[in-house]
Amino acid sequence: MLANTEALASDLLAGKRRALSQAITLVESTRADHRGQAVALLQRLAPHAGNALRLGISGVPGAGKSTFIEAFGNHILDQGHRLAVLAVDPSSAVSGGSILGDKTRMEELSRRREAFIRPSPAGKTLGGVTRRTRETLLLCEAVGFDVVIVETVGVGQSETAVADMTDMFLLLLLPGGGDDLQGIKRGIMELADLLLVNKAYGDMQAAANHSAADYIRALRLLHPRTRNWQVPVKTCSALRGIGIAEAWELVCQYRDTLSASGEWSERRAQQARAWMWAETAESLIAALREDERIQHRLPELEQAVMAGRLPPTLAAAELIETFLQSKATPVS
C-alpha cells in the first residue's frame, strides 16, 4: 500500500475527522490512480469496520427527513453514541449539479462533535444513494461511529438500493389518509422495517392517526422482508420532538430481535454479496465505455437507435459482442 494511504488509514483508525473527509473524497474520485489508492485503503480498514448500526431513511417529498434526522440524531447522541449521517442529494439531470443542502438543514446536529454529516450528490446512480455510499459507510465505521444513517434522495421505484446496504430501513410518511397510499410504491413499502407518519401534532394529529391506521391495514396485504419482525407503524412530530425516543427504542428492539434470531448476520452476508454484484456491473459498464473499439462503434449505433433504424436490444447485443471480441483480440 502506498505510504500516504497507510498514513491516512492510521489517522482514520485514530478517529481523526479531517482524515475521514479526505478518505471519502478519495473513494468518491473517478480517477484511476485514486481508485487504486481507495481500494488499498478499504482493504486495510475492512477488519475495523462492520460494527455500527446501519439505518436507512427515506420518505416522500416534504415528509421532513432532514428535520427528523436532526431530532433523531440528537437523541441518539444523547444516549452516548457517535453518529455519522450520509445524506445523498439529487443531482440535476441537466447540469449534473447538486445543492448539497442537507448539512445546513441539520444545523444543530452538525455542531455536535460526536456527529459527522457528509452530503454527496447522487449523480446518475439509481437507488437514492451514490455508487460509493457503501464504501463511505465502511470508512465511518472504521473511524468509530457506531450508528450510521443513510438518507436517500426521496421515494421512488429506484429508491430501494439503500435496503441492500443497511440493517434497518425506516420510511417517513406524511399525514394524508388513504389518498397518500397512492403515492407510495409497493416495493418500498415491502422493504420498510419501520413506518413513521411525521408532523403528527395539533391540527394534523387526527390525519396522522388516520394515515397510520391506513398503513397498518395496507401492510397486512404485504409480505414482510424480515421473518421475526412485524413492521410497526407509529406517528411522530420531529419538529416538536414527539415520538423520537419511541422510534429509537423500536430501532434497538429491532436490532436485538434480529441479532437473537441470526437474521442480523445473515442480512449482512447478503448485503456483501449484493455489493459484489453491484460493483461488478458498474465496473463492467465502465470498462465497456472506455474500450477503444466501443468508442469507435458507439456513435454510429447511438445514431441508428435514435433514428429508429435499429432496435436498442440489437444495438446492445452488438456492443457486448464488440467488447468481448476486443478482450479476446486486443488492439495492437
Protein backbone atom coordinates (compact mmCIF):
# COMPACT_ATOMS: atom_id res chain seq x y z
CA MET A 1 0.00 0.00 0.00
CA LEU A 2 1.22 3.49 -0.78
CA ALA A 3 2.82 5.32 2.13
CA ASN A 4 0.33 8.21 2.09
CA THR A 5 -2.57 5.74 2.06
CA GLU A 6 -1.11 3.94 5.07
CA ALA A 7 -0.81 7.26 6.89
CA LEU A 8 -4.43 8.07 6.03
CA ALA A 9 -5.54 4.68 7.35
CA SER A 10 -3.67 5.29 10.61
CA ASP A 11 -5.32 8.69 11.01
CA LEU A 12 -8.76 7.15 10.36
CA LEU A 13 -8.23 4.45 12.97
CA ALA A 14 -7.14 7.19 15.38
CA GLY A 15 -10.55 8.83 14.87
CA LYS A 16 -9.39 11.97 13.05
CA ARG A 17 -12.36 13.68 11.39
CA ARG A 18 -10.27 15.52 8.80
CA ALA A 19 -8.85 12.21 7.64
CA LEU A 20 -12.40 10.90 7.21
CA SER A 21 -13.32 13.77 4.89
CA GLN A 22 -10.13 13.18 2.89
CA ALA A 23 -10.83 9.44 2.66
CA ILE A 24 -14.40 9.98 1.44
CA THR A 25 -13.17 12.38 -1.22
CA LEU A 26 -10.67 9.71 -2.27
CA VAL A 27 -13.22 6.90 -2.61
CA GLU A 28 -15.63 9.18 -4.48
CA SER A 29 -12.97 10.17 -7.01
CA THR A 30 -13.25 8.71 -10.52
CA ARG A 31 -9.52 8.99 -11.27
CA ALA A 32 -7.87 5.64 -11.94
CA ASP A 33 -4.90 6.32 -9.65
CA HIS A 34 -7.23 7.43 -6.84
CA ARG A 35 -9.31 4.29 -7.31
CA GLY A 36 -6.27 2.11 -6.70
CA GLN A 37 -5.47 4.00 -3.51
CA ALA A 38 -9.10 3.78 -2.38
CA VAL A 39 -9.16 0.00 -2.83
CA ALA A 40 -5.95 -0.35 -0.84
CA LEU A 41 -7.35 1.88 1.91
CA LEU A 42 -10.59 -0.08 2.16
CA GLN A 43 -8.69 -3.37 2.31
CA ARG A 44 -6.62 -2.01 5.19
CA LEU A 45 -9.69 -0.78 7.10
CA ALA A 46 -12.05 -3.70 6.45
CA PRO A 47 -11.18 -5.59 9.69
CA HIS A 48 -12.06 -2.48 11.71
CA ALA A 49 -15.47 -1.87 10.07
CA GLY A 50 -18.85 -3.57 10.34
CA ASN A 51 -19.67 -2.82 13.98
CA ALA A 52 -22.12 0.05 13.51
CA LEU A 53 -25.88 0.00 13.35
CA ARG A 54 -26.73 0.96 9.77
CA LEU A 55 -30.05 2.74 9.35
CA GLY A 56 -31.53 3.77 6.01
CA ILE A 57 -34.09 6.56 5.95
CA SER A 58 -36.26 7.54 3.02
CA GLY A 59 -39.56 9.31 2.64
CA VAL A 60 -41.98 11.16 0.42
CA PRO A 61 -41.05 14.72 -0.60
CA GLY A 62 -41.91 17.14 2.18
CA ALA A 63 -42.05 14.44 4.86
CA GLY A 64 -39.39 16.27 6.86
CA LYS A 65 -36.47 13.85 6.53
CA SER A 66 -33.82 16.39 7.49
CA THR A 67 -35.85 17.69 10.44
CA PHE A 68 -36.45 14.14 11.60
CA ILE A 69 -32.79 13.14 11.28
CA GLU A 70 -31.75 16.21 13.26
CA ALA A 71 -34.12 15.40 16.14
CA PHE A 72 -33.49 11.67 15.92
CA GLY A 73 -29.73 12.14 15.65
CA ASN A 74 -29.56 14.41 18.68
CA HIS A 75 -31.48 11.82 20.69
CA ILE A 76 -29.07 9.10 19.56
CA LEU A 77 -26.10 11.22 20.61
CA ASP A 78 -27.72 11.87 23.98
CA GLN A 79 -27.71 8.09 24.52
CA GLY A 80 -23.90 8.11 24.29
CA HIS A 81 -23.49 7.04 20.66
CA ARG A 82 -21.41 8.52 17.84
CA LEU A 83 -23.40 9.23 14.69
CA ALA A 84 -22.50 9.61 11.02
CA VAL A 85 -25.12 10.83 8.54
CA LEU A 86 -24.58 10.18 4.84
CA ALA A 87 -27.04 12.49 3.10
CA VAL A 88 -27.48 11.93 -0.63
CA ASP A 89 -28.79 14.91 -2.60
CA PRO A 90 -30.38 14.61 -6.05
CA SER A 91 -28.29 15.76 -8.98
CA SER A 92 -29.67 17.86 -11.80
CA ALA A 93 -30.36 15.84 -14.94
CA VAL A 94 -29.43 18.95 -16.96
CA SER A 95 -26.32 20.36 -15.31
CA GLY A 96 -25.31 17.42 -13.10
CA GLY A 97 -25.04 19.80 -10.16
CA SER A 98 -26.36 19.26 -6.66
CA ILE A 99 -27.33 21.72 -3.93
CA LEU A 100 -25.97 19.58 -1.07
CA GLY A 101 -28.11 21.45 1.44
CA ASP A 102 -28.68 18.68 3.98
CA LYS A 103 -25.91 19.82 6.29
CA THR A 104 -27.34 23.33 6.50
CA ARG A 105 -30.77 21.88 7.33
CA MET A 106 -29.27 19.94 10.25
CA GLU A 107 -27.63 22.95 11.86
CA GLU A 108 -27.78 21.84 15.49
CA LEU A 109 -26.68 18.27 14.74
CA SER A 110 -23.77 19.45 12.58
CA ARG A 111 -22.37 21.46 15.50
CA ARG A 112 -22.01 18.44 17.77
CA ARG A 113 -18.56 16.85 17.92
CA GLU A 114 -20.00 13.33 18.19
CA ALA A 115 -21.73 13.72 14.82
CA PHE A 116 -20.42 13.72 11.27
CA ILE A 117 -22.60 14.78 8.33
CA ARG A 118 -21.47 14.19 4.77
CA PRO A 119 -23.68 15.32 1.85
CA SER A 120 -22.89 13.77 -1.52
CA PRO A 121 -24.51 14.13 -4.95
CA ALA A 122 -26.42 11.14 -6.25
CA GLY A 123 -25.08 11.69 -9.76
CA LYS A 124 -26.50 9.18 -12.23
CA THR A 125 -26.64 6.34 -9.73
CA LEU A 126 -30.12 4.92 -9.13
CA GLY A 127 -31.36 3.77 -5.77
CA GLY A 128 -31.19 7.03 -3.85
CA VAL A 129 -27.53 6.53 -3.00
CA THR A 130 -24.17 7.22 -4.63
CA ARG A 131 -22.06 4.47 -6.12
CA ARG A 132 -19.59 4.83 -3.26
CA THR A 133 -22.06 5.12 -0.36
CA ARG A 134 -21.20 1.60 0.83
CA GLU A 135 -17.51 2.44 0.93
CA THR A 136 -18.17 5.70 2.75
CA LEU A 137 -20.20 3.76 5.29
CA LEU A 138 -17.25 1.46 5.99
CA LEU A 139 -14.94 4.44 6.43
CA CYS A 140 -17.28 5.93 9.04
CA GLU A 141 -17.35 2.64 10.92
CA ALA A 142 -13.58 2.38 10.88
CA VAL A 143 -13.30 5.85 12.44
CA GLY A 144 -15.52 4.72 15.30
CA PHE A 145 -19.06 5.88 14.53
CA ASP A 146 -21.37 3.21 15.93
CA VAL A 147 -24.57 4.45 14.25
CA VAL A 148 -24.64 5.38 10.56
CA ILE A 149 -27.71 6.88 8.90
CA VAL A 150 -28.03 6.82 5.12
CA GLU A 151 -30.60 9.37 3.97
CA THR A 152 -31.80 8.83 0.41
CA VAL A 153 -32.95 11.47 -2.06
CA GLY A 154 -36.63 10.50 -1.80
CA VAL A 155 -39.22 7.85 -2.58
CA GLY A 156 -39.40 6.18 -5.98
CA GLN A 157 -39.15 2.75 -7.57
CA SER A 158 -35.35 3.02 -7.65
CA GLU A 159 -35.12 4.14 -4.02
CA THR A 160 -34.72 0.59 -2.74
CA ALA A 161 -30.93 0.22 -3.07
CA VAL A 162 -30.46 1.63 0.43
CA ALA A 163 -32.11 -1.50 1.81
CA ASP A 164 -29.22 -3.54 0.38
CA MET A 165 -26.66 -1.69 2.48
CA THR A 166 -28.40 -1.02 5.81
CA ASP A 167 -29.61 -3.15 8.70
CA MET A 168 -32.93 -1.36 9.08
CA PHE A 169 -34.99 0.67 6.61
CA LEU A 170 -37.17 3.45 8.02
CA LEU A 171 -39.82 5.04 5.82
CA LEU A 172 -41.02 8.53 6.75
CA LEU A 173 -44.54 9.46 5.65
CA LEU A 174 -46.91 12.41 5.71
CA PRO A 175 -50.45 12.55 7.11
CA GLY A 176 -52.76 12.11 4.17
CA GLY A 177 -55.18 9.28 4.75
CA GLY A 178 -55.96 6.79 2.01
CA ASP A 179 -55.02 9.19 -0.80
CA ASP A 180 -51.42 9.26 0.37
CA LEU A 181 -51.16 5.50 -0.11
CA GLN A 182 -51.35 6.09 -3.85
CA GLY A 183 -48.06 7.98 -3.73
CA ILE A 184 -46.11 5.15 -2.12
CA LYS A 185 -44.67 2.37 -4.25
CA ARG A 186 -45.49 -1.19 -3.17
CA GLY A 187 -41.84 -2.23 -3.47
CA ILE A 188 -40.53 0.30 -0.99
CA MET A 189 -43.37 -0.48 1.44
CA GLU A 190 -42.33 -4.13 1.38
CA LEU A 191 -38.76 -3.19 2.25
CA ALA A 192 -39.60 -0.93 5.19
CA ASP A 193 -38.85 -2.19 8.71
CA LEU A 194 -40.46 0.81 10.42
CA LEU A 195 -43.05 3.31 9.18
CA LEU A 196 -43.34 6.72 10.83
CA VAL A 197 -46.06 9.25 9.99
CA ASN A 198 -44.41 12.59 10.70
CA LYS A 199 -45.94 16.00 11.53
CA ALA A 200 -48.43 14.39 13.92
CA TYR A 201 -49.19 17.42 16.07
CA GLY A 202 -52.07 19.82 16.65
CA ASP A 203 -54.47 20.02 13.72
CA MET A 204 -52.53 17.28 11.89
CA GLN A 205 -52.77 14.73 14.70
CA ALA A 206 -56.11 13.27 13.61
CA ALA A 207 -54.97 12.99 9.98
CA ALA A 208 -51.72 11.34 11.10
CA ASN A 209 -53.60 8.78 13.20
CA HIS A 210 -55.90 8.07 10.26
CA SER A 211 -52.93 7.62 7.91
CA ALA A 212 -51.19 5.30 10.37
CA ALA A 213 -54.32 3.14 10.53
CA ASP A 214 -54.41 3.03 6.71
CA TYR A 215 -50.79 1.93 6.53
CA ILE A 216 -51.34 -0.76 9.16
CA ARG A 217 -54.14 -2.20 7.02
CA ALA A 218 -52.02 -1.94 3.88
CA LEU A 219 -49.11 -3.79 5.49
CA ARG A 220 -51.36 -6.76 6.21
CA LEU A 221 -51.55 -7.32 2.46
CA LEU A 222 -47.76 -7.27 2.02
CA HIS A 223 -45.17 -9.89 2.79
CA PRO A 224 -42.62 -8.56 5.34
CA ARG A 225 -38.98 -8.99 4.41
CA THR A 226 -37.97 -9.94 7.96
CA ARG A 227 -39.18 -13.27 9.33
CA ASN A 228 -39.21 -12.39 13.01
CA TRP A 229 -40.31 -8.76 12.85
CA GLN A 230 -43.77 -7.28 12.49
CA VAL A 231 -43.37 -3.83 10.90
CA PRO A 232 -44.56 -1.13 13.35
CA VAL A 233 -46.44 1.96 12.17
CA LYS A 234 -46.15 4.94 14.51
CA THR A 235 -46.78 8.68 14.47
CA CYS A 236 -44.27 11.37 15.44
CA SER A 237 -43.51 15.06 15.22
CA ALA A 238 -39.83 15.70 14.55
CA LEU A 239 -40.34 19.44 14.95
CA ARG A 240 -41.85 19.00 18.41
CA GLY A 241 -39.71 16.05 19.45
CA ILE A 242 -42.75 13.81 19.88
CA GLY A 243 -42.25 10.08 19.29
CA ILE A 244 -38.50 10.39 18.68
CA ALA A 245 -37.43 8.42 21.76
CA GLU A 246 -40.02 5.75 20.96
CA ALA A 247 -38.65 5.44 17.40
CA TRP A 248 -35.14 4.85 18.74
CA GLU A 249 -36.46 2.22 21.15
CA LEU A 250 -38.03 0.40 18.20
CA VAL A 251 -34.71 0.51 16.35
CA CYS A 252 -32.95 -1.03 19.35
CA GLN A 253 -35.69 -3.63 19.72
CA TYR A 254 -35.33 -4.49 16.04
CA ARG A 255 -31.56 -4.91 16.40
CA ASP A 256 -31.95 -7.16 19.44
CA THR A 257 -34.64 -9.27 17.79
CA LEU A 258 -32.69 -9.88 14.59
CA SER A 259 -29.42 -10.50 16.45
CA ALA A 260 -31.10 -13.16 18.57
CA SER A 261 -32.64 -14.89 15.54
CA GLY A 262 -29.45 -14.79 13.45
CA GLU A 263 -31.05 -12.64 10.74
CA TRP A 264 -28.70 -9.74 11.51
CA SER A 265 -25.56 -11.57 10.40
CA GLU A 266 -27.47 -13.29 7.60
CA ARG A 267 -28.57 -9.94 6.17
CA ARG A 268 -25.03 -8.55 6.39
CA ALA A 269 -23.78 -11.54 4.38
CA GLN A 270 -26.45 -11.00 1.74
CA GLN A 271 -25.57 -7.32 1.56
CA ALA A 272 -21.91 -8.16 0.95
CA ARG A 273 -22.92 -10.41 -1.94
CA ALA A 274 -25.24 -7.74 -3.39
CA TRP A 275 -22.40 -5.20 -3.14
CA MET A 276 -20.07 -7.55 -5.03
CA TRP A 277 -22.51 -7.91 -7.93
CA ALA A 278 -23.41 -4.21 -7.99
CA GLU A 279 -19.74 -3.27 -8.18
CA THR A 280 -19.15 -5.92 -10.83
CA ALA A 281 -21.93 -4.47 -13.00
CA GLU A 282 -20.71 -0.89 -12.57
CA SER A 283 -17.11 -1.85 -13.32
CA LEU A 284 -18.07 -3.79 -16.45
CA ILE A 285 -20.09 -0.87 -17.80
CA ALA A 286 -17.19 1.50 -17.10
CA ALA A 287 -14.74 -0.84 -18.84
CA LEU A 288 -17.08 -1.20 -21.80
CA ARG A 289 -17.42 2.56 -22.24
CA GLU A 290 -13.66 3.05 -22.07
CA ASP A 291 -12.89 0.32 -24.63
CA GLU A 292 -11.30 1.72 -27.80
CA ARG A 293 -13.40 -0.35 -30.22
CA ILE A 294 -16.60 0.51 -28.35
CA GLN A 295 -15.78 4.21 -28.53
CA HIS A 296 -15.29 3.87 -32.27
CA ARG A 297 -18.56 1.96 -32.80
CA LEU A 298 -20.78 3.73 -30.27
CA PRO A 299 -21.66 6.97 -32.14
CA GLU A 300 -22.95 5.05 -35.16
CA LEU A 301 -25.05 2.70 -33.02
CA GLU A 302 -26.48 5.54 -30.95
CA GLN A 303 -27.49 7.43 -34.08
CA ALA A 304 -29.14 4.31 -35.53
CA VAL A 305 -31.10 3.73 -32.33
CA MET A 306 -32.16 7.37 -32.05
CA ALA A 307 -33.29 7.40 -35.70
CA GLY A 308 -35.30 4.21 -35.21
CA ARG A 309 -33.24 2.20 -37.70
CA LEU A 310 -32.01 -0.25 -35.09
CA PRO A 311 -33.78 -1.70 -32.01
CA PRO A 312 -31.95 -0.88 -28.75
CA THR A 313 -31.76 -4.59 -27.89
CA LEU A 314 -29.81 -5.37 -31.08
CA ALA A 315 -27.56 -2.35 -30.54
CA ALA A 316 -26.81 -3.50 -27.01
CA ALA A 317 -26.06 -7.03 -28.24
CA GLU A 318 -23.65 -5.64 -30.85
CA LEU A 319 -21.88 -3.51 -28.22
CA ILE A 320 -21.41 -6.50 -25.96
CA GLU A 321 -20.18 -8.67 -28.84
CA THR A 322 -17.73 -5.95 -29.88
CA PHE A 323 -16.49 -5.66 -26.30
CA LEU A 324 -15.99 -9.42 -25.94
CA GLN A 325 -14.12 -9.60 -29.23
CA SER A 326 -11.96 -6.67 -28.13
CA LYS A 327 -10.99 -8.51 -24.96
CA ALA A 328 -10.29 -11.71 -26.91
CA THR A 329 -8.19 -9.93 -29.57
CA PRO A 330 -6.74 -6.73 -28.05
CA VAL A 331 -5.99 -3.81 -30.32
CA SER A 332 -2.27 -3.83 -31.24
